[in-house]
Protein backbone atom coordinates (compact mmCIF):
# COMPACT_ATOMS: atom_id res chain seq x y z
CA UNK A 1 91.27 -100.34 -67.00
CA UNK A 2 94.79 -101.69 -66.02
CA UNK A 3 96.01 -101.92 -62.46
CA UNK A 4 98.36 -99.51 -61.68
CA UNK A 5 101.41 -100.48 -59.86
CA UNK A 6 102.19 -97.82 -57.16
CA UNK A 7 105.92 -96.80 -56.96
CA UNK A 8 106.31 -94.45 -54.44
CA UNK A 9 104.17 -92.08 -51.97
CA UNK A 10 104.21 -89.15 -54.01
CA UNK A 11 102.41 -90.87 -57.29
CA UNK A 12 99.96 -92.76 -54.72
CA UNK A 13 98.85 -89.18 -52.91
CA UNK A 14 98.45 -88.01 -56.41
CA UNK A 15 96.52 -91.06 -57.91
CA UNK A 16 94.02 -90.79 -54.68
CA UNK A 17 93.57 -87.21 -54.06
CA UNK A 18 93.48 -85.96 -57.80
CA UNK A 19 90.51 -88.22 -58.96
CA UNK A 20 87.36 -86.16 -57.84
CA UNK A 21 84.40 -88.64 -58.02
CA UNK A 22 86.47 -91.78 -59.02
CA UNK A 23 85.98 -95.00 -56.87
CA UNK A 24 89.57 -95.93 -56.17
CA UNK A 25 90.70 -99.47 -54.94
CA UNK A 26 93.97 -99.96 -53.11
CA UNK A 27 95.20 -103.43 -53.07
CA UNK A 28 97.81 -104.04 -50.24
CA UNK A 29 100.04 -107.21 -51.04
CA UNK A 30 103.49 -108.81 -50.40
CA UNK A 31 105.39 -111.53 -52.42
CA UNK A 32 105.53 -113.78 -49.36
CA UNK A 33 101.94 -114.03 -48.58
CA UNK A 34 100.26 -117.37 -50.58
CA UNK A 35 96.56 -115.71 -50.24
CA UNK A 36 98.15 -112.65 -52.37
CA UNK A 37 99.07 -114.97 -55.22
CA UNK A 38 95.33 -115.71 -55.71
CA UNK A 39 94.07 -112.38 -55.27
CA UNK A 40 96.42 -110.57 -57.18
CA UNK A 41 95.16 -112.68 -60.38
CA UNK A 42 91.38 -112.14 -58.86
CA UNK A 43 92.04 -108.33 -58.70
CA UNK A 44 93.58 -108.04 -62.01
CA UNK A 45 90.66 -109.90 -63.49
CA UNK A 46 88.04 -107.63 -61.68
CA UNK A 47 89.77 -104.70 -62.87
CA UNK A 48 89.56 -105.75 -66.77
CA UNK A 49 85.86 -106.59 -66.07
CA UNK A 50 85.50 -102.86 -64.93
CA UNK A 51 87.57 -101.49 -67.74
CA UNK A 52 84.55 -99.75 -69.88
CA UNK A 53 83.25 -98.15 -66.62
CA UNK A 54 85.66 -94.52 -65.94
CA UNK A 55 84.27 -94.38 -62.46
CA UNK A 56 86.91 -97.05 -61.25
CA UNK A 57 90.80 -96.52 -60.55
CA UNK A 58 92.57 -99.67 -59.44
CA UNK A 59 95.78 -99.31 -57.65
CA UNK A 60 97.91 -102.01 -56.32
CA UNK A 61 100.87 -101.56 -53.58
CA UNK A 62 103.67 -104.16 -52.42
CA UNK A 63 103.25 -103.43 -48.55
CA UNK A 64 106.73 -104.56 -48.21
CA UNK A 65 108.39 -102.16 -50.45
CA UNK A 66 106.28 -99.37 -49.64
CA UNK A 67 106.00 -99.41 -46.06
CA UNK A 68 105.24 -95.65 -45.81
CA UNK A 69 102.11 -96.30 -47.62
CA UNK A 70 100.95 -99.21 -45.86
CA UNK A 71 101.70 -97.29 -42.53
CA UNK A 72 99.25 -94.35 -43.38
CA UNK A 73 96.27 -97.31 -43.31
CA UNK A 74 97.80 -99.39 -40.32
CA UNK A 75 98.09 -102.29 -42.95
CA UNK A 76 99.22 -105.41 -41.05
CA UNK A 77 97.73 -108.08 -42.76
CA UNK A 78 97.74 -108.94 -46.43
CA UNK A 79 95.80 -109.02 -48.60
CA UNK A 80 94.20 -105.58 -47.68
CA UNK A 81 91.69 -103.65 -49.59
CA UNK A 82 90.80 -99.91 -49.28
CA UNK A 83 88.01 -98.24 -51.31
CA UNK A 84 88.56 -94.41 -51.52
CA UNK A 85 86.35 -91.70 -52.96
CA UNK A 86 86.96 -87.89 -52.83
CA UNK A 87 89.70 -88.54 -50.38
CA UNK A 88 87.15 -90.26 -48.10
CA UNK A 89 87.78 -94.08 -46.87
CA UNK A 90 84.51 -96.09 -47.89
CA UNK A 91 85.71 -99.28 -46.81
CA UNK A 92 88.44 -101.30 -45.72
CA UNK A 93 88.73 -105.18 -45.34
CA UNK A 94 91.51 -108.09 -45.65
CA UNK A 95 91.28 -111.51 -46.64
CA UNK A 96 91.43 -113.78 -49.87
CA UNK A 97 87.62 -113.74 -50.80
CA UNK A 98 86.74 -112.61 -54.11
CA UNK A 99 83.06 -112.25 -53.50
CA UNK A 100 83.95 -109.60 -50.96
CA UNK A 101 86.02 -107.26 -53.12
CA UNK A 102 83.26 -107.41 -55.96
CA UNK A 103 80.49 -106.83 -53.50
CA UNK A 104 82.34 -104.01 -52.06
CA UNK A 105 82.71 -102.53 -55.42
CA UNK A 106 79.27 -102.76 -56.51
CA UNK A 107 77.91 -101.20 -53.22
CA UNK A 108 80.02 -98.23 -53.61
CA UNK A 109 79.77 -97.88 -57.40
CA UNK A 110 77.63 -94.92 -58.88
CA UNK A 111 75.02 -95.93 -61.14
CA UNK A 112 76.13 -94.80 -64.58
CA UNK A 113 73.26 -93.35 -66.92
CA UNK A 114 73.64 -96.18 -69.06
CA UNK A 115 72.81 -98.70 -66.60
CA UNK A 116 70.58 -96.56 -64.25
CA UNK A 117 67.35 -97.36 -66.04
CA UNK A 118 66.14 -99.50 -68.87
CA UNK A 119 63.56 -98.63 -71.25
CA UNK A 120 60.86 -100.93 -72.13
CA UNK A 121 58.88 -101.65 -75.50
CA UNK A 122 56.45 -99.43 -74.32
CA UNK A 123 58.65 -96.61 -73.45
CA UNK A 124 58.60 -96.97 -69.66
CA UNK A 125 61.44 -97.41 -67.35
CA UNK A 126 61.55 -101.20 -66.65
CA UNK A 127 62.31 -102.07 -63.19
CA UNK A 128 66.35 -102.21 -62.23
CA UNK A 129 68.00 -105.67 -62.10
CA UNK A 130 68.54 -107.13 -58.55
CA UNK A 131 71.99 -105.84 -56.90
CA UNK A 132 74.27 -107.67 -54.90
CA UNK A 133 72.96 -106.02 -51.82
CA UNK A 134 69.24 -107.15 -52.00
CA UNK A 135 68.71 -110.52 -50.46
CA UNK A 136 68.79 -113.59 -52.11
CA UNK A 137 67.29 -117.03 -51.62
CA UNK A 138 70.46 -118.99 -51.04
CA UNK A 139 70.41 -122.36 -49.08
CA UNK A 140 71.47 -122.07 -45.54
CA UNK A 141 75.16 -123.57 -45.03
CA UNK A 142 75.12 -126.91 -43.81
CA UNK A 143 77.23 -127.66 -40.63
CA UNK A 144 79.80 -129.62 -42.98
CA UNK A 145 80.27 -126.71 -45.37
CA UNK A 146 80.55 -124.42 -42.64
CA UNK A 147 83.23 -126.11 -40.81
CA UNK A 148 85.21 -126.80 -44.12
CA UNK A 149 85.02 -122.85 -44.47
CA UNK A 150 85.86 -122.56 -40.68
CA UNK A 151 89.20 -124.70 -41.55
CA UNK A 152 90.28 -122.65 -44.58
CA UNK A 153 89.43 -119.29 -42.83
CA UNK A 154 91.87 -120.38 -39.61
CA UNK A 155 94.53 -121.33 -42.21
CA UNK A 156 94.30 -118.40 -44.52
CA UNK A 157 97.40 -116.84 -42.67
CA UNK A 158 100.10 -118.58 -40.51
CA UNK A 159 98.40 -116.19 -37.56
CA UNK A 160 94.96 -115.56 -38.04
CA UNK A 161 93.07 -113.02 -35.74
CA UNK A 162 89.35 -113.47 -35.60
CA UNK A 163 87.90 -110.21 -33.83
CA UNK A 164 85.02 -107.32 -33.58
CA UNK A 165 85.99 -104.99 -36.52
CA UNK A 166 89.49 -104.38 -38.24
CA UNK A 167 93.01 -103.75 -36.90
CA UNK A 168 92.39 -100.10 -38.00
CA UNK A 169 89.24 -99.71 -36.41
CA UNK A 170 88.54 -102.33 -33.71
CA UNK A 171 85.02 -102.66 -32.53
CA UNK A 172 85.89 -103.58 -28.89
CA UNK A 173 88.39 -103.08 -26.52
CA UNK A 174 89.44 -106.75 -26.04
CA UNK A 175 90.04 -106.94 -29.82
CA UNK A 176 91.85 -103.88 -29.63
CA UNK A 177 94.21 -104.98 -26.96
CA UNK A 178 95.04 -108.17 -28.84
CA UNK A 179 95.80 -106.07 -31.96
CA UNK A 180 97.89 -104.08 -29.73
CA UNK A 181 99.97 -106.96 -28.63
CA UNK A 182 100.72 -108.56 -32.21
CA UNK A 183 101.81 -104.94 -33.69
CA UNK A 184 104.18 -104.43 -30.19
CA UNK A 185 105.65 -107.96 -31.25
CA UNK A 186 105.82 -107.03 -35.19
CA UNK A 187 103.78 -109.99 -35.82
CA UNK A 188 102.23 -110.42 -39.58
CA UNK A 189 98.81 -111.70 -39.27
CA UNK A 190 95.45 -111.94 -41.39
CA UNK A 191 92.52 -111.03 -39.70
CA UNK A 192 88.65 -111.76 -40.08
CA UNK A 193 85.88 -109.34 -39.10
CA UNK A 194 83.25 -111.70 -37.17
CA UNK A 195 80.63 -109.08 -37.40
CA UNK A 196 80.51 -109.46 -40.94
CA UNK A 197 79.49 -113.27 -40.99
CA UNK A 198 77.25 -114.39 -38.28
CA UNK A 199 77.65 -117.94 -39.51
CA UNK A 200 81.50 -117.64 -38.86
CA UNK A 201 80.63 -115.91 -35.62
CA UNK A 202 78.77 -118.45 -34.27
CA UNK A 203 80.34 -121.62 -35.73
CA UNK A 204 83.81 -120.66 -34.51
CA UNK A 205 82.53 -120.55 -30.83
CA UNK A 206 81.75 -124.49 -31.40
CA UNK A 207 84.97 -124.93 -33.74
CA UNK A 208 87.08 -123.72 -31.12
CA UNK A 209 85.10 -124.51 -28.02
CA UNK A 210 85.55 -120.93 -27.11
CA UNK A 211 82.50 -118.67 -26.54
CA UNK A 212 84.12 -115.20 -26.78
CA UNK A 213 86.16 -113.12 -29.36
CA UNK A 214 88.72 -112.37 -30.10
CA UNK A 215 90.39 -115.72 -30.82
CA UNK A 216 93.82 -116.21 -32.27
CA UNK A 217 95.10 -119.13 -34.60
CA UNK A 218 98.63 -119.87 -35.13
CA UNK A 219 99.26 -122.56 -38.05
CA UNK A 220 95.22 -123.53 -38.11
CA UNK A 221 95.47 -124.21 -34.11
CA UNK A 222 93.55 -122.37 -31.72
CA UNK A 223 95.60 -120.62 -29.22
CA UNK A 224 93.27 -118.78 -27.29
CA UNK A 225 91.60 -115.16 -26.36
CA UNK A 226 93.22 -112.01 -25.04
CA UNK A 227 93.85 -113.24 -21.67
CA UNK A 228 95.54 -116.34 -22.46
CA UNK A 229 97.75 -114.74 -25.01
CA UNK A 230 98.68 -112.27 -22.76
CA UNK A 231 99.70 -114.76 -20.32
CA UNK A 232 101.68 -116.57 -23.08
CA UNK A 233 103.56 -113.58 -24.18
CA UNK A 234 104.32 -112.87 -20.25
CA UNK A 235 106.06 -116.29 -19.84
CA UNK A 236 107.76 -116.42 -23.23
CA UNK A 237 108.60 -113.08 -24.86
CA UNK A 238 109.09 -114.93 -28.43
CA UNK A 239 106.01 -117.01 -27.92
CA UNK A 240 104.53 -116.10 -31.15
CA UNK A 241 107.77 -116.98 -33.23
CA UNK A 242 107.85 -120.30 -31.17
CA UNK A 243 104.20 -121.07 -31.94
CA UNK A 244 104.82 -120.80 -35.70
CA UNK A 245 108.03 -123.25 -35.08
CA UNK A 246 105.95 -125.50 -33.16
């Protein structure tokens, strides 16, 4: 199934509300965000791989051209993905992680009649294949590998927020306050939900030498938590702009 590039809010509303039972993936992107260049290719490839399964619908929205649609979901960071079925949001996440996109699609997919069971030679139903949600025996991540991953994550966007939850659904008051500060200053930022990855959650404390969250990085450099960012903004109204130019 080809990716449908959304042209206006009316079309978007029709595509997301008039598809009962469909799993609708919505990809928000912009031309200026470097991570989107990679994820656009990934998203198109994933859509092609699901072409034979009629339950999927893949939509693409330029968040800068269609701010009216982006504002419906409080999209303040790209790449941003939302999964919808029957007008209900099932999941939303941000970042250039192909594995997270594929896992989310698999998690909320409904098994087709052809794939739900497999009949063995003796006519009995064979055990289903292992799904992405079942535990695997992957080897633990080394400290060196984790630090390399943290470097990439902290540089994933010019301004990166490591928080509990997502900007549209913060899971702690401190994260909510820092998101509000960024929005108040019209700051474009990427984010990472540290509740989804305990390795990142624990590793980042050592990486930044800072024990709590949220944590804000600008150009890959740790800036501080909520209190420090508050102080910086109080002292310099254009703190974010100056830090980016840094």
